[in-house]
Amino acid sequence: VQVKRAAKLTADASPEPVKKGATITVTGKLTRADWGSGKYTGYVSQKATLQFRAKASNSYTTVKTVTSGTGGALRTTTKATKDGYYRYVFAGTATTGSATAAGDYVDVR
């Protein structure tokens, strides 16, 4: 039986609120369990998808794919078109489980 490391993912979209058509930045961090230290450490060079869900919708759609950098950092920009939630999703690997960040709400004015 193969045991996978647990992963954690965050997402933060800013600025909030934002004018329609303006650029927002969505940052986050991908970490995974380090069994040696008993802590979570940054997981670098991994692909995560940025997803968006409109305020009135129940489903997320993929906006783009981002690769984690130093310390597991995620950062990208996108245009704000309507109120809704942004989140990152990591599908997992052969050694690490999947993770989904909580959606961060952006108010578009």
N, C-alpha and C. Protein backbone atom coordinates (compact mmCIF):
# COMPACT_ATOMS: atom_id res chain seq x y z
N VAL A 1 0.84 -1.18 0.00
CA VAL A 1 0.00 0.00 0.00
C VAL A 1 0.88 1.24 0.00
N GLN A 2 0.63 2.15 -0.94
CA GLN A 2 1.40 3.39 -1.00
C GLN A 2 0.70 4.49 -0.23
N VAL A 3 1.45 5.16 0.62
CA VAL A 3 0.93 6.29 1.39
C VAL A 3 1.44 7.57 0.76
N LYS A 4 0.53 8.50 0.50
CA LYS A 4 0.92 9.79 -0.10
C LYS A 4 1.03 10.87 0.96
N ARG A 5 1.90 11.83 0.70
CA ARG A 5 2.02 12.98 1.59
C ARG A 5 0.79 13.87 1.42
N ALA A 6 0.36 14.47 2.50
CA ALA A 6 -0.76 15.41 2.44
C ALA A 6 -0.27 16.74 1.88
N ALA A 7 -1.14 17.42 1.15
CA ALA A 7 -0.82 18.73 0.59
C ALA A 7 -1.81 19.77 1.09
N LYS A 8 -1.36 21.02 1.15
CA LYS A 8 -2.21 22.15 1.51
C LYS A 8 -2.03 23.23 0.45
N LEU A 9 -3.10 23.99 0.23
CA LEU A 9 -3.08 25.02 -0.81
C LEU A 9 -3.88 26.22 -0.34
N THR A 10 -3.36 27.42 -0.61
CA THR A 10 -4.07 28.65 -0.27
C THR A 10 -4.28 29.49 -1.52
N ALA A 11 -5.20 30.46 -1.42
CA ALA A 11 -5.44 31.41 -2.51
C ALA A 11 -5.89 32.74 -1.93
N ASP A 12 -5.36 33.82 -2.49
CA ASP A 12 -5.74 35.17 -2.08
C ASP A 12 -5.75 36.07 -3.30
N ALA A 13 -6.92 36.58 -3.62
CA ALA A 13 -7.08 37.48 -4.77
C ALA A 13 -7.14 38.93 -4.28
N SER A 14 -6.42 39.82 -4.97
CA SER A 14 -6.43 41.22 -4.58
C SER A 14 -6.19 42.11 -5.80
N PRO A 15 -6.62 43.35 -5.80
CA PRO A 15 -7.28 44.03 -4.68
C PRO A 15 -8.76 43.66 -4.59
N GLU A 16 -9.34 43.95 -3.46
CA GLU A 16 -10.76 43.73 -3.24
C GLU A 16 -11.34 44.97 -2.56
N PRO A 17 -12.35 45.62 -3.06
CA PRO A 17 -13.01 45.38 -4.35
C PRO A 17 -12.14 45.86 -5.50
N VAL A 18 -12.59 45.57 -6.73
CA VAL A 18 -11.84 45.94 -7.92
C VAL A 18 -12.81 46.45 -8.99
N LYS A 19 -12.32 47.37 -9.83
CA LYS A 19 -13.15 47.87 -10.92
C LYS A 19 -13.23 46.83 -12.03
N LYS A 20 -14.38 46.78 -12.69
CA LYS A 20 -14.57 45.84 -13.79
C LYS A 20 -13.53 46.08 -14.88
N GLY A 21 -12.90 45.00 -15.32
CA GLY A 21 -11.89 45.08 -16.36
C GLY A 21 -10.48 45.29 -15.85
N ALA A 22 -10.35 45.59 -14.55
CA ALA A 22 -9.02 45.80 -13.97
C ALA A 22 -8.33 44.46 -13.73
N THR A 23 -7.03 44.53 -13.55
CA THR A 23 -6.25 43.32 -13.31
C THR A 23 -6.21 42.99 -11.82
N ILE A 24 -6.43 41.72 -11.52
CA ILE A 24 -6.27 41.26 -10.14
C ILE A 24 -5.11 40.27 -10.10
N THR A 25 -4.50 40.18 -8.95
CA THR A 25 -3.42 39.23 -8.72
C THR A 25 -3.90 38.16 -7.76
N VAL A 26 -3.69 36.91 -8.14
CA VAL A 26 -4.08 35.79 -7.27
C VAL A 26 -2.81 35.09 -6.83
N THR A 27 -2.54 35.16 -5.53
CA THR A 27 -1.37 34.51 -4.96
C THR A 27 -1.81 33.30 -4.15
N GLY A 28 -0.87 32.45 -3.87
CA GLY A 28 -1.16 31.28 -3.06
C GLY A 28 0.12 30.57 -2.70
N LYS A 29 -0.03 29.45 -1.99
CA LYS A 29 1.12 28.66 -1.59
C LYS A 29 0.73 27.19 -1.57
N LEU A 30 1.59 26.38 -2.19
CA LEU A 30 1.40 24.94 -2.19
C LEU A 30 2.45 24.32 -1.28
N THR A 31 1.99 23.60 -0.28
CA THR A 31 2.90 22.92 0.64
C THR A 31 2.51 21.45 0.76
N ARG A 32 3.47 20.66 1.21
CA ARG A 32 3.17 19.24 1.46
C ARG A 32 3.88 18.80 2.72
N ALA A 33 3.38 17.73 3.31
CA ALA A 33 3.91 17.22 4.56
C ALA A 33 5.35 16.75 4.38
N ASP A 34 6.18 17.17 5.30
CA ASP A 34 7.57 16.70 5.36
C ASP A 34 7.64 15.76 6.56
N TRP A 35 7.68 14.49 6.28
CA TRP A 35 7.62 13.51 7.36
C TRP A 35 8.83 13.58 8.28
N GLY A 36 9.96 14.06 7.77
CA GLY A 36 11.16 14.16 8.60
C GLY A 36 11.04 15.22 9.68
N SER A 37 10.49 16.39 9.30
CA SER A 37 10.39 17.50 10.25
C SER A 37 9.03 17.57 10.94
N GLY A 38 8.04 16.89 10.38
CA GLY A 38 6.69 16.95 10.96
C GLY A 38 5.98 18.25 10.62
N LYS A 39 6.49 18.98 9.62
CA LYS A 39 5.89 20.25 9.21
C LYS A 39 5.52 20.20 7.73
N TYR A 40 4.83 21.26 7.27
CA TYR A 40 4.54 21.40 5.85
C TYR A 40 5.59 22.32 5.23
N THR A 41 6.13 21.92 4.08
CA THR A 41 7.14 22.72 3.40
C THR A 41 6.70 23.00 1.98
N GLY A 42 7.25 24.05 1.38
CA GLY A 42 6.89 24.45 0.03
C GLY A 42 7.16 23.35 -0.99
N TYR A 43 6.24 23.20 -1.91
CA TYR A 43 6.34 22.17 -2.96
C TYR A 43 6.56 22.91 -4.28
N VAL A 44 7.78 22.88 -4.79
CA VAL A 44 8.16 23.68 -5.95
C VAL A 44 8.00 22.92 -7.27
N SER A 45 7.92 23.69 -8.35
CA SER A 45 7.84 23.18 -9.73
C SER A 45 6.64 22.26 -9.96
N GLN A 46 5.53 22.58 -9.32
CA GLN A 46 4.30 21.80 -9.48
C GLN A 46 3.22 22.66 -10.13
N LYS A 47 2.42 22.04 -10.96
CA LYS A 47 1.36 22.76 -11.67
C LYS A 47 0.07 22.79 -10.83
N ALA A 48 -0.52 23.97 -10.75
CA ALA A 48 -1.81 24.16 -10.10
C ALA A 48 -2.68 24.96 -11.05
N THR A 49 -3.97 24.69 -11.04
CA THR A 49 -4.87 25.44 -11.91
C THR A 49 -5.58 26.51 -11.11
N LEU A 50 -5.69 27.70 -11.72
CA LEU A 50 -6.50 28.77 -11.15
C LEU A 50 -7.90 28.60 -11.69
N GLN A 51 -8.88 28.58 -10.80
CA GLN A 51 -10.27 28.42 -11.21
C GLN A 51 -11.10 29.59 -10.71
N PHE A 52 -12.21 29.85 -11.43
CA PHE A 52 -13.13 30.94 -11.08
C PHE A 52 -14.55 30.42 -11.06
N ARG A 53 -15.32 30.89 -10.06
CA ARG A 53 -16.75 30.58 -9.99
C ARG A 53 -17.50 31.89 -9.81
N ALA A 54 -18.38 32.19 -10.74
CA ALA A 54 -19.19 33.41 -10.65
C ALA A 54 -20.11 33.31 -9.42
N LYS A 55 -20.45 34.46 -8.88
CA LYS A 55 -21.27 34.54 -7.66
C LYS A 55 -22.56 33.73 -7.77
N ALA A 56 -23.19 33.77 -8.92
CA ALA A 56 -24.49 33.11 -9.11
C ALA A 56 -24.36 31.66 -9.59
N SER A 57 -23.13 31.16 -9.71
CA SER A 57 -22.91 29.82 -10.25
C SER A 57 -22.54 28.83 -9.16
N ASN A 58 -22.67 27.54 -9.49
CA ASN A 58 -22.28 26.48 -8.56
C ASN A 58 -21.02 25.76 -9.01
N SER A 59 -20.51 26.10 -10.19
CA SER A 59 -19.37 25.35 -10.72
C SER A 59 -18.19 26.27 -11.07
N TYR A 60 -17.00 25.73 -10.88
CA TYR A 60 -15.78 26.44 -11.21
C TYR A 60 -15.33 26.11 -12.62
N THR A 61 -14.68 27.09 -13.26
CA THR A 61 -14.07 26.88 -14.56
C THR A 61 -12.59 27.23 -14.46
N THR A 62 -11.77 26.55 -15.24
CA THR A 62 -10.33 26.79 -15.21
C THR A 62 -9.99 28.05 -15.98
N VAL A 63 -9.18 28.89 -15.37
CA VAL A 63 -8.73 30.15 -15.99
C VAL A 63 -7.36 29.95 -16.63
N LYS A 64 -6.44 29.38 -15.88
CA LYS A 64 -5.08 29.13 -16.39
C LYS A 64 -4.35 28.19 -15.45
N THR A 65 -3.18 27.74 -15.91
CA THR A 65 -2.33 26.87 -15.11
C THR A 65 -1.08 27.65 -14.68
N VAL A 66 -0.69 27.45 -13.43
CA VAL A 66 0.44 28.16 -12.85
C VAL A 66 1.40 27.13 -12.26
N THR A 67 2.70 27.41 -12.31
CA THR A 67 3.71 26.52 -11.72
C THR A 67 4.25 27.13 -10.44
N SER A 68 4.31 26.34 -9.38
CA SER A 68 4.78 26.83 -8.09
C SER A 68 6.27 27.16 -8.14
N GLY A 69 6.64 28.23 -7.46
CA GLY A 69 8.02 28.68 -7.43
C GLY A 69 8.65 28.45 -6.07
N THR A 70 9.58 29.32 -5.72
CA THR A 70 10.30 29.22 -4.45
C THR A 70 9.35 29.12 -3.27
N GLY A 71 9.57 28.13 -2.43
CA GLY A 71 8.74 27.95 -1.25
C GLY A 71 7.33 27.50 -1.56
N GLY A 72 7.07 27.11 -2.81
CA GLY A 72 5.73 26.68 -3.21
C GLY A 72 4.81 27.82 -3.59
N ALA A 73 5.39 29.02 -3.80
CA ALA A 73 4.59 30.20 -4.10
C ALA A 73 3.91 30.11 -5.46
N LEU A 74 2.66 30.56 -5.49
CA LEU A 74 1.87 30.64 -6.72
C LEU A 74 1.49 32.11 -6.92
N ARG A 75 1.57 32.58 -8.16
CA ARG A 75 1.20 33.97 -8.44
C ARG A 75 0.86 34.11 -9.92
N THR A 76 -0.29 34.75 -10.18
CA THR A 76 -0.67 35.04 -11.54
C THR A 76 -1.64 36.21 -11.54
N THR A 77 -1.91 36.75 -12.72
CA THR A 77 -2.87 37.85 -12.84
C THR A 77 -3.95 37.45 -13.82
N THR A 78 -5.11 38.11 -13.68
CA THR A 78 -6.23 37.90 -14.59
C THR A 78 -7.11 39.13 -14.55
N LYS A 79 -7.98 39.28 -15.51
CA LYS A 79 -8.90 40.42 -15.57
C LYS A 79 -10.15 40.12 -14.77
N ALA A 80 -10.58 41.07 -14.00
CA ALA A 80 -11.81 40.94 -13.22
C ALA A 80 -13.00 41.34 -14.08
N THR A 81 -13.92 40.42 -14.32
CA THR A 81 -15.07 40.71 -15.17
C THR A 81 -16.40 40.68 -14.41
N LYS A 82 -16.47 39.88 -13.34
CA LYS A 82 -17.69 39.81 -12.54
C LYS A 82 -17.39 39.29 -11.15
N ASP A 83 -18.33 39.52 -10.23
CA ASP A 83 -18.19 39.04 -8.86
C ASP A 83 -18.01 37.53 -8.85
N GLY A 84 -17.15 37.06 -7.98
CA GLY A 84 -17.00 35.62 -7.87
C GLY A 84 -15.81 35.20 -7.04
N TYR A 85 -15.55 33.91 -7.07
CA TYR A 85 -14.54 33.28 -6.22
C TYR A 85 -13.40 32.72 -7.07
N TYR A 86 -12.18 32.94 -6.58
CA TYR A 86 -10.99 32.39 -7.23
C TYR A 86 -10.35 31.39 -6.28
N ARG A 87 -9.86 30.29 -6.86
CA ARG A 87 -9.17 29.29 -6.05
C ARG A 87 -8.11 28.59 -6.90
N TYR A 88 -7.15 27.96 -6.22
CA TYR A 88 -6.17 27.12 -6.88
C TYR A 88 -6.51 25.66 -6.58
N VAL A 89 -6.22 24.80 -7.56
CA VAL A 89 -6.43 23.35 -7.40
C VAL A 89 -5.16 22.63 -7.83
N PHE A 90 -4.70 21.72 -6.97
CA PHE A 90 -3.54 20.89 -7.26
C PHE A 90 -4.03 19.45 -7.40
N ALA A 91 -3.74 18.83 -8.54
CA ALA A 91 -4.27 17.49 -8.83
C ALA A 91 -3.54 16.39 -8.08
N GLY A 92 -2.35 16.67 -7.57
CA GLY A 92 -1.58 15.66 -6.87
C GLY A 92 -0.56 15.00 -7.77
N THR A 93 0.30 14.20 -7.18
CA THR A 93 1.34 13.47 -7.91
C THR A 93 1.35 12.03 -7.41
N ALA A 94 2.31 11.27 -7.88
CA ALA A 94 2.43 9.88 -7.44
C ALA A 94 2.76 9.78 -5.96
N THR A 95 3.37 10.84 -5.40
CA THR A 95 3.78 10.79 -3.99
C THR A 95 3.01 11.74 -3.08
N THR A 96 2.21 12.63 -3.67
CA THR A 96 1.52 13.68 -2.89
C THR A 96 0.05 13.76 -3.29
N GLY A 97 -0.82 13.85 -2.30
CA GLY A 97 -2.25 13.92 -2.56
C GLY A 97 -2.67 15.25 -3.15
N SER A 98 -3.90 15.29 -3.62
CA SER A 98 -4.45 16.51 -4.21
C SER A 98 -4.83 17.51 -3.12
N ALA A 99 -5.03 18.76 -3.55
CA ALA A 99 -5.44 19.81 -2.61
C ALA A 99 -6.22 20.88 -3.36
N THR A 100 -7.17 21.48 -2.66
CA THR A 100 -7.97 22.56 -3.22
C THR A 100 -8.04 23.69 -2.21
N ALA A 101 -7.72 24.89 -2.64
CA ALA A 101 -7.80 26.06 -1.77
C ALA A 101 -9.24 26.50 -1.60
N ALA A 102 -9.53 27.13 -0.50
CA ALA A 102 -10.85 27.74 -0.32
C ALA A 102 -10.97 28.89 -1.30
N GLY A 103 -12.16 29.10 -1.86
CA GLY A 103 -12.38 30.18 -2.81
C GLY A 103 -12.28 31.54 -2.12
N ASP A 104 -11.61 32.48 -2.77
CA ASP A 104 -11.49 33.85 -2.25
C ASP A 104 -12.38 34.76 -3.09
N TYR A 105 -13.33 35.41 -2.43
CA TYR A 105 -14.33 36.22 -3.12
C TYR A 105 -13.77 37.58 -3.55
N VAL A 106 -14.10 37.97 -4.78
CA VAL A 106 -13.71 39.29 -5.30
C VAL A 106 -14.98 40.04 -5.72
N ASP A 107 -15.14 41.23 -5.19
CA ASP A 107 -16.28 42.08 -5.50
C ASP A 107 -15.87 43.00 -6.67
N VAL A 108 -16.53 42.86 -7.80
CA VAL A 108 -16.22 43.66 -8.98
C VAL A 108 -17.25 44.77 -9.09
N ARG A 109 -16.78 46.01 -9.19
CA ARG A 109 -17.69 47.16 -9.20
C ARG A 109 -17.65 47.90 -10.53
